[in-house]
Amino acid sequence: MVADSHAFHAWVEVEGHAIDFMAPLFTDAAQEEGLARVPRRMFQRPLAEMKGLDEISQPGDFMR
């Protein structure tokens, strides 16, 4: 997967939450790239729960 002027990822921040409308499509993108099957999930999380890179340790952890 790549992020450039033709492929990027973004989420919406509203009232202290991050909402990623593309998250449910990640399964399809991962399969197209030959990556392991990823469960289809939505992403709506309080920004206060955001972690630093060295704190990511379990499913659901996220960073900006």
N, C-alpha and C. Protein backbone atom coordinates (compact mmCIF):
# COMPACT_ATOMS: atom_id res chain seq x y z
N MET A 1 0.84 -1.17 0.00
CA MET A 1 0.00 0.00 0.00
C MET A 1 0.89 1.23 0.00
N VAL A 2 0.39 2.29 -0.57
CA VAL A 2 1.20 3.49 -0.75
C VAL A 2 0.36 4.73 -0.51
N ALA A 3 1.00 5.76 -0.03
CA ALA A 3 0.35 7.07 0.09
C ALA A 3 1.12 8.05 -0.78
N ASP A 4 0.44 8.60 -1.78
CA ASP A 4 1.04 9.61 -2.64
C ASP A 4 -0.09 10.47 -3.20
N SER A 5 0.18 11.24 -4.24
CA SER A 5 -0.85 12.14 -4.77
C SER A 5 -2.02 11.40 -5.41
N HIS A 6 -1.88 10.09 -5.64
CA HIS A 6 -2.95 9.30 -6.24
C HIS A 6 -3.61 8.33 -5.26
N ALA A 7 -3.02 8.16 -4.10
CA ALA A 7 -3.56 7.22 -3.11
C ALA A 7 -3.23 7.76 -1.72
N PHE A 8 -4.25 8.01 -0.94
CA PHE A 8 -4.03 8.55 0.39
C PHE A 8 -5.12 8.06 1.32
N HIS A 9 -4.96 8.37 2.59
CA HIS A 9 -5.94 7.96 3.60
C HIS A 9 -6.19 9.16 4.51
N ALA A 10 -7.44 9.33 4.90
CA ALA A 10 -7.80 10.43 5.79
C ALA A 10 -8.97 10.00 6.67
N TRP A 11 -9.11 10.65 7.82
CA TRP A 11 -10.28 10.43 8.65
C TRP A 11 -10.87 11.77 9.01
N VAL A 12 -12.07 11.78 9.56
CA VAL A 12 -12.76 13.00 9.97
C VAL A 12 -12.68 13.09 11.49
N GLU A 13 -12.37 14.26 12.00
CA GLU A 13 -12.38 14.50 13.44
C GLU A 13 -13.55 15.41 13.76
N VAL A 14 -14.42 14.96 14.67
CA VAL A 14 -15.61 15.72 15.04
C VAL A 14 -15.95 15.47 16.50
N GLU A 15 -16.16 16.55 17.22
CA GLU A 15 -16.55 16.50 18.63
C GLU A 15 -15.71 15.52 19.44
N GLY A 16 -14.38 15.57 19.26
CA GLY A 16 -13.47 14.76 20.05
C GLY A 16 -13.33 13.32 19.62
N HIS A 17 -13.85 12.97 18.44
CA HIS A 17 -13.75 11.61 17.93
C HIS A 17 -13.11 11.60 16.54
N ALA A 18 -12.44 10.51 16.23
CA ALA A 18 -11.94 10.25 14.89
C ALA A 18 -12.88 9.23 14.25
N ILE A 19 -13.32 9.50 13.02
CA ILE A 19 -14.19 8.58 12.30
C ILE A 19 -13.55 8.31 10.94
N ASP A 20 -13.31 7.05 10.67
CA ASP A 20 -12.67 6.65 9.43
C ASP A 20 -13.68 5.88 8.59
N PHE A 21 -14.21 6.53 7.57
CA PHE A 21 -15.22 5.90 6.73
C PHE A 21 -14.63 4.87 5.78
N MET A 22 -13.31 4.88 5.61
CA MET A 22 -12.66 3.93 4.72
C MET A 22 -12.27 2.63 5.42
N ALA A 23 -12.28 2.61 6.75
CA ALA A 23 -11.82 1.43 7.49
C ALA A 23 -12.50 0.13 7.07
N PRO A 24 -13.81 0.11 6.85
CA PRO A 24 -14.44 -1.15 6.44
C PRO A 24 -13.93 -1.67 5.09
N LEU A 25 -13.32 -0.81 4.29
CA LEU A 25 -12.80 -1.22 2.98
C LEU A 25 -11.37 -1.74 3.05
N PHE A 26 -10.73 -1.64 4.23
CA PHE A 26 -9.34 -2.07 4.36
C PHE A 26 -9.19 -3.55 4.03
N THR A 27 -10.17 -4.37 4.38
CA THR A 27 -10.12 -5.80 4.07
C THR A 27 -9.94 -6.01 2.57
N ASP A 28 -10.72 -5.30 1.76
CA ASP A 28 -10.63 -5.44 0.31
C ASP A 28 -9.26 -5.00 -0.21
N ALA A 29 -8.77 -3.88 0.30
CA ALA A 29 -7.47 -3.36 -0.15
C ALA A 29 -6.35 -4.33 0.23
N ALA A 30 -6.41 -4.89 1.43
CA ALA A 30 -5.38 -5.83 1.88
C ALA A 30 -5.37 -7.08 1.01
N GLN A 31 -6.55 -7.59 0.67
CA GLN A 31 -6.63 -8.78 -0.18
C GLN A 31 -6.10 -8.50 -1.58
N GLU A 32 -6.36 -7.32 -2.12
CA GLU A 32 -5.84 -6.96 -3.44
C GLU A 32 -4.32 -6.93 -3.45
N GLU A 33 -3.72 -6.60 -2.30
CA GLU A 33 -2.26 -6.54 -2.20
C GLU A 33 -1.65 -7.88 -1.80
N GLY A 34 -2.51 -8.91 -1.64
CA GLY A 34 -2.01 -10.23 -1.25
C GLY A 34 -1.68 -10.35 0.22
N LEU A 35 -2.19 -9.44 1.04
CA LEU A 35 -1.94 -9.49 2.47
C LEU A 35 -2.94 -10.41 3.16
N ALA A 36 -2.69 -10.72 4.39
CA ALA A 36 -3.56 -11.61 5.17
C ALA A 36 -4.97 -11.04 5.28
N ARG A 37 -5.93 -11.90 5.48
CA ARG A 37 -7.32 -11.49 5.67
C ARG A 37 -7.42 -10.67 6.95
N VAL A 38 -8.06 -9.54 6.83
CA VAL A 38 -8.24 -8.62 7.96
C VAL A 38 -9.73 -8.52 8.24
N PRO A 39 -10.16 -8.63 9.51
CA PRO A 39 -11.60 -8.51 9.79
C PRO A 39 -12.14 -7.15 9.36
N ARG A 40 -13.35 -7.14 8.81
CA ARG A 40 -13.99 -5.89 8.40
C ARG A 40 -14.53 -5.20 9.67
N ARG A 41 -14.07 -4.00 9.93
CA ARG A 41 -14.48 -3.26 11.12
C ARG A 41 -14.69 -1.80 10.79
N MET A 42 -15.49 -1.15 11.61
CA MET A 42 -15.63 0.30 11.50
C MET A 42 -14.62 0.94 12.43
N PHE A 43 -14.38 2.23 12.26
CA PHE A 43 -13.43 2.94 13.12
C PHE A 43 -14.06 4.25 13.56
N GLN A 44 -14.40 4.30 14.83
CA GLN A 44 -14.89 5.53 15.46
C GLN A 44 -14.37 5.50 16.88
N ARG A 45 -13.39 6.36 17.16
CA ARG A 45 -12.71 6.31 18.45
C ARG A 45 -12.54 7.71 19.03
N PRO A 46 -12.58 7.84 20.36
CA PRO A 46 -12.28 9.12 20.99
C PRO A 46 -10.81 9.49 20.75
N LEU A 47 -10.58 10.73 20.38
CA LEU A 47 -9.20 11.18 20.15
C LEU A 47 -8.35 11.08 21.41
N ALA A 48 -8.97 11.15 22.58
CA ALA A 48 -8.24 11.05 23.84
C ALA A 48 -7.60 9.67 24.02
N GLU A 49 -8.06 8.66 23.27
CA GLU A 49 -7.50 7.31 23.36
C GLU A 49 -6.34 7.09 22.39
N MET A 50 -5.97 8.12 21.61
CA MET A 50 -4.89 8.00 20.65
C MET A 50 -3.58 7.67 21.37
N LYS A 51 -2.77 6.81 20.79
CA LYS A 51 -1.52 6.35 21.38
C LYS A 51 -0.32 6.90 20.61
N GLY A 52 0.83 6.88 21.27
CA GLY A 52 2.08 7.15 20.60
C GLY A 52 2.56 5.87 19.93
N LEU A 53 3.48 5.98 18.98
CA LEU A 53 3.96 4.82 18.23
C LEU A 53 4.45 3.70 19.15
N ASP A 54 5.18 4.04 20.20
CA ASP A 54 5.71 3.02 21.10
C ASP A 54 4.66 2.44 22.05
N GLU A 55 3.43 2.96 22.01
CA GLU A 55 2.36 2.47 22.88
C GLU A 55 1.37 1.54 22.16
N ILE A 56 1.51 1.41 20.85
CA ILE A 56 0.61 0.56 20.08
C ILE A 56 0.92 -0.89 20.44
N SER A 57 -0.07 -1.60 21.02
CA SER A 57 0.21 -2.96 21.46
C SER A 57 -0.94 -3.94 21.26
N GLN A 58 -2.13 -3.45 20.95
CA GLN A 58 -3.26 -4.36 20.81
C GLN A 58 -4.24 -3.86 19.76
N PRO A 59 -5.09 -4.76 19.25
CA PRO A 59 -6.10 -4.33 18.27
C PRO A 59 -6.95 -3.18 18.82
N GLY A 60 -7.16 -2.18 18.00
CA GLY A 60 -7.94 -1.01 18.41
C GLY A 60 -7.06 0.18 18.79
N ASP A 61 -5.78 -0.05 19.13
CA ASP A 61 -4.87 1.07 19.38
C ASP A 61 -4.67 1.83 18.07
N PHE A 62 -4.53 3.14 18.15
CA PHE A 62 -4.33 3.91 16.94
C PHE A 62 -3.48 5.13 17.23
N MET A 63 -2.86 5.65 16.18
CA MET A 63 -2.04 6.86 16.27
C MET A 63 -2.33 7.74 15.07
N ARG A 64 -2.01 8.98 15.18
CA ARG A 64 -2.21 9.93 14.09
C ARG A 64 -1.08 9.84 13.12
